Each structure stands twice: as structure tokens, then as C-alpha cells.
Amino acid sequence: MSQLLVKRVYDPPSPKDGTRILVDRLWPRGVTKDRIGLWLKDIAPSDALRREFHGNPERWEEFRAAYATELGAAAAQAALAILDEKRKGGPVTLLYAAKDDTRNNAEALRLWLADRDHRGNS
């Protein structure tokens, strides 16, 4: 699989980004469609999980575990298949809107994918 990057959707696009994929359930305020190549909202955490985690960075590991469980749902699996296809074609940047650069759903997804890829389950 190709390089997988994580970037805040409000940061300027770069040629190194490759395919820019929004992995949030909600469209980010003030962002135009031309800044995003693809929106995979079914790969995003549920609204309930997002609300539960918001403002509780100390619960990062709990969030990651709950999110990993949600990634097993049929809609998330279909979105993961699309993401995997995009990754075969070159670099992919997972976009998120959260203010926390290290504890956000895109980073949790990147870590989950890295673990899955390492296990050979792509």
C-alpha cells in the first residue's frame, strides 16, 4: 500500500497529499469541495462515539478501541474497501477537522490501518 498521511482539512493542500479523503461524519465548516477529493463519512466514528470522546483526550485509548469496533460494521467495511483501492494508486491523505493534531479520528484510523496492514489483513 502507498503512503498514508494525516492532515487537518483546513491546512493548505500540497502536491504530496495525493488523494485527499475526508474521514469525518460532518462536512467541515467553510471548506469548499475542491479541497477534498473524496468524502468517506461511513468510515468516520459514529456521532455517539464522537460526542463521547470530544473534550476527553485522556480517553484516547478507549476511543481507539471503540472506533476499531465500529470499523467492523458493513458500511465502514465498504468505505474501507474504497480507501484501500485509493491507496493502491498512490499517496492518500486522511483529512479531519478536529483541532487536536495528535488525537483525532483520522490519526486513530491511520494507526488502525497501519496495524491491519502490518498483520497482513488488507
Protein backbone atom coordinates (compact mmCIF):
# COMPACT_ATOMS: atom_id res chain seq x y z
CA MET A 1 0.00 0.00 0.00
CA SER A 2 1.11 3.54 -0.64
CA GLN A 3 1.96 6.28 1.80
CA LEU A 4 -0.81 7.26 4.20
CA LEU A 5 -0.75 10.80 5.60
CA VAL A 6 -2.97 12.63 8.08
CA LYS A 7 -3.71 16.33 7.76
CA ARG A 8 -6.14 18.88 9.10
CA VAL A 9 -8.64 19.78 6.37
CA TYR A 10 -8.02 23.49 6.99
CA ASP A 11 -4.29 23.16 6.18
CA PRO A 12 -3.37 24.08 2.59
CA PRO A 13 -3.35 21.24 0.06
CA SER A 14 0.04 20.02 -1.13
CA PRO A 15 1.05 18.01 -4.22
CA LYS A 16 2.44 15.39 -1.78
CA ASP A 17 -1.08 14.80 -0.39
CA GLY A 18 -2.13 12.53 -3.24
CA THR A 19 -5.82 11.67 -2.90
CA ARG A 20 -7.34 13.81 -0.14
CA ILE A 21 -10.06 11.90 1.71
CA LEU A 22 -12.29 13.45 4.36
CA VAL A 23 -12.92 10.90 7.13
CA ASP A 24 -15.29 12.98 9.28
CA ARG A 25 -19.02 12.35 9.53
CA LEU A 26 -19.80 16.09 9.25
CA TRP A 27 -18.69 18.39 6.45
CA PRO A 28 -16.21 20.93 7.89
CA ARG A 29 -17.45 24.48 8.15
CA GLY A 30 -16.12 26.83 5.49
CA VAL A 31 -14.37 24.16 3.40
CA THR A 32 -15.09 24.03 -0.33
CA LYS A 33 -15.43 20.78 -2.27
CA ASP A 34 -12.34 21.50 -4.36
CA ARG A 35 -10.12 20.94 -1.27
CA ILE A 36 -11.36 17.37 -0.82
CA GLY A 37 -11.07 14.55 -3.34
CA LEU A 38 -13.42 12.09 -1.65
CA TRP A 39 -15.67 12.04 1.42
CA LEU A 40 -15.94 8.69 3.20
CA LYS A 41 -18.30 9.58 6.03
CA ASP A 42 -19.17 5.92 6.66
CA ILE A 43 -15.60 5.35 7.82
CA ALA A 44 -15.94 8.07 10.48
CA PRO A 45 -16.80 7.34 14.11
CA SER A 46 -20.49 7.39 14.98
CA ASP A 47 -21.98 10.63 16.28
CA ALA A 48 -22.39 9.00 19.71
CA LEU A 49 -18.73 7.99 19.88
CA ARG A 50 -17.58 11.37 18.58
CA ARG A 51 -19.63 13.18 21.23
CA GLU A 52 -18.44 10.88 24.00
CA PHE A 53 -14.79 11.41 23.11
CA HIS A 54 -14.98 15.15 22.34
CA GLY A 55 -13.22 17.07 25.06
CA ASN A 56 -11.82 13.93 26.73
CA PRO A 57 -8.35 13.41 25.25
CA GLU A 58 -7.38 11.34 28.28
CA ARG A 59 -9.74 8.65 26.96
CA TRP A 60 -7.79 8.27 23.71
CA GLU A 61 -7.17 4.52 24.06
CA GLU A 62 -10.85 3.90 24.90
CA PHE A 63 -11.84 5.92 21.84
CA ARG A 64 -9.47 3.97 19.59
CA ALA A 65 -10.83 0.64 20.84
CA ALA A 66 -14.47 1.69 20.38
CA TYR A 67 -13.70 3.12 16.95
CA ALA A 68 -11.96 -0.11 15.93
CA THR A 69 -15.13 -1.98 16.82
CA GLU A 70 -17.21 0.40 14.71
CA LEU A 71 -14.89 -0.18 11.75
CA GLY A 72 -16.22 -3.74 11.63
CA ALA A 73 -19.71 -2.56 10.58
CA ALA A 74 -20.81 -3.23 6.99
CA ALA A 75 -20.92 0.45 5.94
CA ALA A 76 -17.45 1.07 7.38
CA GLN A 77 -16.10 -2.05 5.65
CA ALA A 78 -17.46 -0.81 2.31
CA ALA A 79 -15.76 2.57 2.87
CA LEU A 80 -12.52 0.81 3.86
CA ALA A 81 -12.61 -1.12 0.57
CA ILE A 82 -12.81 2.19 -1.31
CA LEU A 83 -9.96 3.61 0.78
CA ASP A 84 -7.83 0.53 0.12
CA GLU A 85 -8.38 0.92 -3.64
CA LYS A 86 -7.32 4.58 -3.48
CA ARG A 87 -4.21 3.60 -1.51
CA LYS A 88 -3.15 1.26 -4.32
CA GLY A 89 -2.98 4.24 -6.68
CA GLY A 90 -0.59 6.44 -4.74
CA PRO A 91 -0.38 8.56 -1.60
CA VAL A 92 -3.55 9.18 0.38
CA THR A 93 -4.12 11.90 2.95
CA LEU A 94 -6.80 11.37 5.59
CA LEU A 95 -8.43 14.72 6.36
CA TYR A 96 -10.03 15.69 9.67
CA ALA A 97 -11.43 18.91 11.13
CA ALA A 98 -10.64 18.46 14.84
CA LYS A 99 -8.27 20.91 16.50
CA ASP A 100 -6.15 18.22 18.18
CA ASP A 101 -3.36 17.22 15.77
CA THR A 102 -2.44 14.00 17.57
CA ARG A 103 -5.71 12.65 18.97
CA ASN A 104 -8.36 12.71 16.28
CA ASN A 105 -10.31 10.15 14.29
CA ALA A 106 -8.05 10.37 11.22
CA GLU A 107 -4.99 9.56 13.34
CA ALA A 108 -6.89 6.73 15.04
CA LEU A 109 -7.83 5.39 11.60
CA ARG A 110 -4.23 5.69 10.37
CA LEU A 111 -2.99 3.72 13.39
CA TRP A 112 -5.70 1.08 12.90
CA LEU A 113 -4.81 0.74 9.20
CA ALA A 114 -1.09 0.51 9.97
CA ASP A 115 -1.79 -2.28 12.46
CA ARG A 116 -4.09 -4.07 10.00
CA ASP A 117 -1.54 -3.71 7.18
CA HIS A 118 1.24 -4.98 9.47
CA ARG A 119 -0.85 -8.08 10.28
CA GLY A 120 -1.39 -8.59 6.53
CA ASN A 121 -5.18 -8.26 6.69
CA SER A 122 -5.70 -5.66 3.98
